[in-house]
Amino acid sequence: MLHDRMEWYGHRLRDTHDLLHGLTGNGRDALGEQCVLAFTYSQQPSPSHLFIGYAWGLHLTRTVPVRAPIFRAIREGQKLGKACPRLVEQPVTDLLAMPIEEVRQRLNITPARWYHEVHRIWRAAGLEPYDLWNEQPAAAPPLAA
């Protein structure tokens, strides 16, 4: 019985993570995932959420050739999560039936400013934020026979 409850809770956490993308307006791109992890840290404090969010933020600052307020976006996600009641404890099925703006108001979720600003800067520089997730290092040359 305990295993069933733990499994249910694990699924609930996964599902609320996906809902957070829609509620916060943070996409499924590299930066959006980090902002949602920071939001999640404020909801369910686990150092791993924050560590991964900021470690990827550092990775982005080192690999994306355009300066942008990446850490401000991640920190903003963390602050938004702190202002919101714990989503995992909310009646999710009731929320799904409501208009998204009404849900955001009820949960005190305001639009993420810095996330969208980073996207604007990247796009102005000719970078597509959703392509950064898939960047692969150049392949190693084949070994000589």
Foldseek 3Di string as FASTA:
>chain_A
DVVVVVVVLVVLVVVVLVVCCVLQVQHPFLLSQLLSLLLVCLQPPDVVSPVVSVVSLVVCCVPPPFDAPSVVLNVLSNVQSNQFHRPSPDPVVVLVVDDSVVSCVVRVHDHRDRSVRRCVRQVVVVHHRRCVRVDDDDDDDDDDD
